[in-house]
Amino acid sequence: MPEQRFTSVWTRESKPRRAQQGLSREQIVRATVELLDDEGMEALSMRKLGAKLGAGATSLYWHVANKNELLELAMDEVFGAVRIPESESWREVTSNVAWGLRAAIMAHPWFTFVLGTLPALGPNALNCSATLCAALARAGFTGTDIDYAGAAVLSYTIGATAPEAAYTSALKSRGLTMAEANRDLAPAVERATRAHPEIHARFQESAGSSIDPLVHRQLSFDFGLLAVLDGLAMKLTRNPDMSANQATN
């Protein structure tokens, strides 16, 4: 078998429009994101994207070699939506990265399926990573600890948000709100948890709460994120070389 090589759209220069009436890379990326948002990963194909754009495959292949390259471009477009206000506080910057990434995943549920499977080497992804690394360095982390701390934040953010995004997307495809789904499931959850008194009590308390389900999930995410940041701060205080720097941030 011929050798399979790992390639990326970011390993070559972006091409201009092929002709006056040709498609630009920006047009293709926007249409790709729209198609993924509307119909999901399974619906994406060069043929379907070409039909959406009213163009033949030749116009697409001028800019990308295959579907994976389309996904790389779409992934970086989503990273571009993560807005991070400037701040000297490492906790504020790190928190903004996490919340921004959470918002991006919630708006584009397919995003989590490409994270980790394709190289995030686009300018927006690298800017996000550089901002996070700089904040953690200001906090006092050094060397590979910067990478480990960043991975802890990103792993929590993606791990906590991906199931919620998938669930929300599934409800949307059924035309249901989260409140309606919770109402429909309540009798089954009531019966299933009776054998587990602690869980049953928690369910009853939750069912009687006036907090909107979406707000509840945001509070849950914030609780976990603060726990991660507190853990990183504790890590810094246990290292004498870091603690002075951390105290000023």
Protein backbone atom coordinates (compact mmCIF):
# COMPACT_ATOMS: atom_id res chain seq x y z
CA MET A 1 0.00 0.00 0.00
CA PRO A 2 1.23 3.55 -0.68
CA GLU A 3 2.42 5.49 2.33
CA GLN A 4 -0.31 7.63 3.92
CA ARG A 5 0.90 11.08 4.89
CA PHE A 6 -0.73 13.45 7.37
CA THR A 7 -1.44 16.75 5.63
CA SER A 8 -3.03 20.04 6.61
CA VAL A 9 -4.57 22.95 4.75
CA TRP A 10 -2.33 25.22 6.82
CA THR A 11 0.88 23.81 5.30
CA ARG A 12 0.44 25.87 2.11
CA GLU A 13 -0.44 29.43 1.18
CA SER A 14 -4.05 30.39 0.64
CA LYS A 15 -4.96 30.72 -3.03
CA PRO A 16 -6.78 33.74 -4.47
CA ARG A 17 -10.04 33.43 -6.42
CA ARG A 18 -9.47 31.26 -9.48
CA ALA A 19 -11.33 33.67 -11.74
CA GLN A 20 -13.47 36.77 -11.44
CA GLN A 21 -16.59 34.66 -10.87
CA GLY A 22 -14.82 32.05 -8.76
CA LEU A 23 -15.41 31.39 -5.08
CA SER A 24 -13.16 32.80 -2.39
CA ARG A 25 -11.92 30.72 0.52
CA GLU A 26 -13.95 32.93 2.86
CA GLN A 27 -17.19 32.12 0.97
CA ILE A 28 -16.45 28.42 1.12
CA VAL A 29 -15.67 28.51 4.84
CA ARG A 30 -18.85 30.43 5.70
CA ALA A 31 -20.98 28.01 3.69
CA THR A 32 -19.24 25.02 5.31
CA VAL A 33 -19.98 26.32 8.82
CA GLU A 34 -23.61 27.01 7.86
CA LEU A 35 -24.03 23.51 6.46
CA LEU A 36 -22.46 21.91 9.53
CA ASP A 37 -24.62 24.00 11.85
CA ASP A 38 -27.82 23.17 9.97
CA GLU A 39 -27.29 19.50 9.17
CA GLY A 40 -24.30 18.17 11.11
CA MET A 41 -21.09 16.36 10.21
CA GLU A 42 -22.83 13.55 8.33
CA ALA A 43 -24.28 15.98 5.80
CA LEU A 44 -20.98 17.56 4.77
CA SER A 45 -19.65 16.54 1.37
CA MET A 46 -17.91 18.36 -1.44
CA ARG A 47 -20.90 17.69 -3.68
CA LYS A 48 -23.45 19.06 -1.22
CA LEU A 49 -21.32 22.08 -0.40
CA GLY A 50 -20.88 22.78 -4.11
CA ALA A 51 -24.64 22.62 -4.60
CA LYS A 52 -25.19 25.03 -1.69
CA LEU A 53 -22.75 27.48 -3.26
CA GLY A 54 -24.05 26.96 -6.79
CA ALA A 55 -20.60 25.92 -7.93
CA GLY A 56 -18.88 22.83 -9.26
CA ALA A 57 -16.34 20.77 -7.38
CA THR A 58 -13.51 22.38 -9.33
CA SER A 59 -14.10 25.69 -7.56
CA LEU A 60 -13.83 23.95 -4.19
CA TYR A 61 -10.75 21.88 -5.01
CA TRP A 62 -8.94 25.04 -6.03
CA HIS A 63 -8.87 25.92 -2.31
CA VAL A 64 -9.00 22.57 -0.50
CA ALA A 65 -7.86 19.04 -1.31
CA ASN A 66 -10.54 17.13 0.60
CA LYS A 67 -13.28 17.28 3.24
CA ASN A 68 -10.82 17.22 6.13
CA GLU A 69 -9.29 20.44 4.91
CA LEU A 70 -12.75 21.99 4.80
CA LEU A 71 -13.21 20.95 8.42
CA GLU A 72 -9.85 22.47 9.38
CA LEU A 73 -10.93 25.80 7.93
CA ALA A 74 -14.35 25.59 9.57
CA MET A 75 -12.78 24.72 12.93
CA ASP A 76 -10.52 27.78 12.80
CA GLU A 77 -13.48 29.96 11.84
CA VAL A 78 -15.20 28.87 15.07
CA PHE A 79 -12.05 29.55 17.10
CA GLY A 80 -12.25 33.08 15.71
CA ALA A 81 -15.52 33.58 17.59
CA VAL A 82 -13.75 33.15 20.96
CA ARG A 83 -13.37 36.77 22.05
CA ILE A 84 -10.94 37.37 24.90
CA PRO A 85 -10.82 40.86 26.46
CA GLU A 86 -7.34 42.05 27.40
CA SER A 87 -6.49 41.69 31.07
CA GLU A 88 -3.44 41.25 33.23
CA SER A 89 -5.31 38.81 35.48
CA TRP A 90 -4.47 35.24 34.54
CA ARG A 91 -7.71 33.99 36.07
CA GLU A 92 -9.82 36.44 34.10
CA VAL A 93 -8.14 35.59 30.80
CA THR A 94 -8.28 31.85 31.44
CA SER A 95 -11.92 32.10 32.46
CA ASN A 96 -12.75 34.09 29.32
CA VAL A 97 -11.05 31.49 27.13
CA ALA A 98 -13.10 28.74 28.78
CA TRP A 99 -16.41 30.59 28.55
CA GLY A 100 -15.68 31.66 24.97
CA LEU A 101 -14.87 28.12 23.93
CA ARG A 102 -18.00 26.87 25.70
CA ALA A 103 -20.12 29.38 23.77
CA ALA A 104 -18.50 28.30 20.50
CA ILE A 105 -19.21 24.62 21.20
CA MET A 106 -22.82 25.35 22.16
CA ALA A 107 -23.33 27.33 18.95
CA HIS A 108 -21.58 24.71 16.79
CA PRO A 109 -22.04 21.22 18.34
CA TRP A 110 -20.08 19.55 15.50
CA PHE A 111 -16.99 21.46 16.70
CA THR A 112 -16.14 18.89 19.36
CA PHE A 113 -15.96 16.11 16.77
CA VAL A 114 -13.06 17.77 14.95
CA LEU A 115 -11.15 18.96 18.02
CA GLY A 116 -8.30 16.54 18.58
CA THR A 117 -8.84 14.70 15.30
CA LEU A 118 -7.55 17.45 13.01
CA PRO A 119 -4.61 19.82 13.55
CA ALA A 120 -5.65 23.16 15.06
CA LEU A 121 -2.96 25.16 13.26
CA GLY A 122 -5.04 28.04 11.94
CA PRO A 123 -4.38 31.65 13.01
CA ASN A 124 -7.45 31.88 15.24
CA ALA A 125 -6.71 28.62 17.07
CA LEU A 126 -3.07 29.58 17.58
CA ASN A 127 -4.04 33.04 18.84
CA CYS A 128 -6.36 31.43 21.38
CA SER A 129 -3.61 29.05 22.51
CA ALA A 130 -1.01 31.81 22.68
CA THR A 131 -3.32 33.99 24.78
CA LEU A 132 -3.98 31.15 27.21
CA CYS A 133 -0.30 30.23 27.46
CA ALA A 134 0.72 33.86 28.07
CA ALA A 135 -1.83 34.18 30.87
CA LEU A 136 -0.62 31.00 32.54
CA ALA A 137 2.98 32.15 32.21
CA ARG A 138 2.07 35.44 33.93
CA ALA A 139 0.50 33.39 36.71
CA GLY A 140 3.84 31.74 37.36
CA PHE A 141 3.69 28.46 35.46
CA THR A 142 6.84 27.61 33.50
CA GLY A 143 7.95 25.08 30.89
CA THR A 144 5.71 22.10 30.34
CA ASP A 145 3.59 23.10 33.35
CA ILE A 146 2.12 25.81 31.11
CA ASP A 147 1.00 23.09 28.69
CA TYR A 148 -0.36 20.91 31.49
CA ALA A 149 -2.29 23.80 33.06
CA GLY A 150 -3.73 24.82 29.69
CA ALA A 151 -4.71 21.24 28.95
CA ALA A 152 -6.50 21.02 32.30
CA VAL A 153 -8.61 24.09 31.48
CA LEU A 154 -9.37 23.00 27.93
CA SER A 155 -10.10 19.41 28.91
CA TYR A 156 -12.58 20.53 31.55
CA THR A 157 -14.23 23.01 29.18
CA ILE A 158 -14.64 20.56 26.30
CA GLY A 159 -15.54 17.63 28.53
CA ALA A 160 -18.19 19.58 30.42
CA THR A 161 -19.68 21.26 27.36
CA ALA A 162 -19.66 18.56 24.66
CA PRO A 163 -22.43 16.39 26.22
CA GLU A 164 -24.57 19.47 26.85
CA ALA A 165 -24.12 20.65 23.26
CA ALA A 166 -24.99 17.20 21.90
CA TYR A 167 -28.10 17.00 24.10
CA THR A 168 -29.21 20.51 23.15
CA SER A 169 -28.68 19.71 19.47
CA ALA A 170 -30.73 16.51 19.79
CA LEU A 171 -33.57 18.44 21.45
CA LYS A 172 -33.45 21.06 18.71
CA SER A 173 -33.80 18.38 16.02
CA ARG A 174 -36.95 17.19 17.82
CA GLY A 175 -38.35 20.66 18.25
CA LEU A 176 -38.14 20.49 22.06
CA THR A 177 -36.86 22.91 24.67
CA MET A 178 -34.81 21.65 27.61
CA ALA A 179 -37.67 22.46 29.98
CA GLU A 180 -40.07 20.39 27.87
CA ALA A 181 -37.66 17.46 27.73
CA ASN A 182 -37.17 17.56 31.50
CA ARG A 183 -40.93 17.57 31.98
CA ASP A 184 -41.37 14.57 29.68
CA LEU A 185 -38.60 12.61 31.37
CA ALA A 186 -39.62 13.44 34.93
CA PRO A 187 -41.93 10.41 35.51
CA ALA A 188 -39.27 7.97 34.26
CA VAL A 189 -36.54 9.60 36.36
CA GLU A 190 -38.86 9.56 39.39
CA ARG A 191 -39.35 5.79 39.07
CA ALA A 192 -35.74 4.96 38.19
CA THR A 193 -34.21 6.81 41.14
CA ARG A 194 -36.45 5.40 43.89
CA ALA A 195 -33.91 2.63 44.57
CA HIS A 196 -31.26 5.31 45.21
CA PRO A 197 -32.57 7.61 47.96
CA GLU A 198 -29.78 10.18 47.70
CA ILE A 199 -30.22 10.59 43.95
CA HIS A 200 -34.00 10.57 44.35
CA ALA A 201 -33.83 13.40 46.86
CA ARG A 202 -31.55 15.42 44.59
CA PHE A 203 -33.95 14.87 41.67
CA GLN A 204 -36.94 16.03 43.70
CA GLU A 205 -35.08 19.11 44.86
CA SER A 206 -34.04 19.88 41.28
CA ALA A 207 -37.56 19.29 39.94
CA GLY A 208 -38.96 21.76 42.43
CA SER A 209 -36.40 24.44 41.60
CA SER A 210 -37.48 27.64 39.85
CA ILE A 211 -34.07 28.04 38.20
CA ASP A 212 -34.19 27.86 34.40
CA PRO A 213 -32.49 24.64 33.17
CA LEU A 214 -30.11 26.61 30.95
CA VAL A 215 -29.09 28.87 33.84
CA HIS A 216 -28.61 25.80 36.02
CA ARG A 217 -26.19 24.34 33.47
CA GLN A 218 -24.28 27.61 33.29
CA LEU A 219 -23.97 27.66 37.07
CA SER A 220 -22.77 24.07 36.99
CA PHE A 221 -20.11 24.92 34.40
CA ASP A 222 -18.97 27.94 36.40
CA PHE A 223 -18.70 25.84 39.57
CA GLY A 224 -16.42 23.34 37.83
CA LEU A 225 -14.34 26.02 36.14
CA LEU A 226 -13.74 27.84 39.42
CA ALA A 227 -12.69 24.53 40.97
CA VAL A 228 -10.14 24.02 38.18
CA LEU A 229 -8.79 27.57 38.55
CA ASP A 230 -8.63 27.22 42.33
CA GLY A 231 -6.72 23.98 41.86
CA LEU A 232 -4.22 25.70 39.55
CA ALA A 233 -3.82 28.54 42.04
CA MET A 234 -3.15 26.00 44.79
CA LYS A 235 -0.55 24.35 42.57
CA LEU A 236 1.21 27.69 42.28
CA THR A 237 1.22 28.37 46.03
CA ARG A 238 2.92 25.02 46.65
CA ASN A 239 5.84 26.08 44.47
CA PRO A 240 7.97 28.75 46.20
CA ASP A 241 9.32 29.99 42.87
CA MET A 242 5.79 30.65 41.57
CA SER A 243 3.90 31.89 44.61
CA ALA A 244 5.18 35.49 44.57
CA ASN A 245 4.27 35.91 40.90
CA GLN A 246 0.86 34.32 41.42
CA ALA A 247 0.04 36.65 44.31
CA THR A 248 0.27 39.69 42.01
CA ASN A 249 -2.17 38.24 39.44
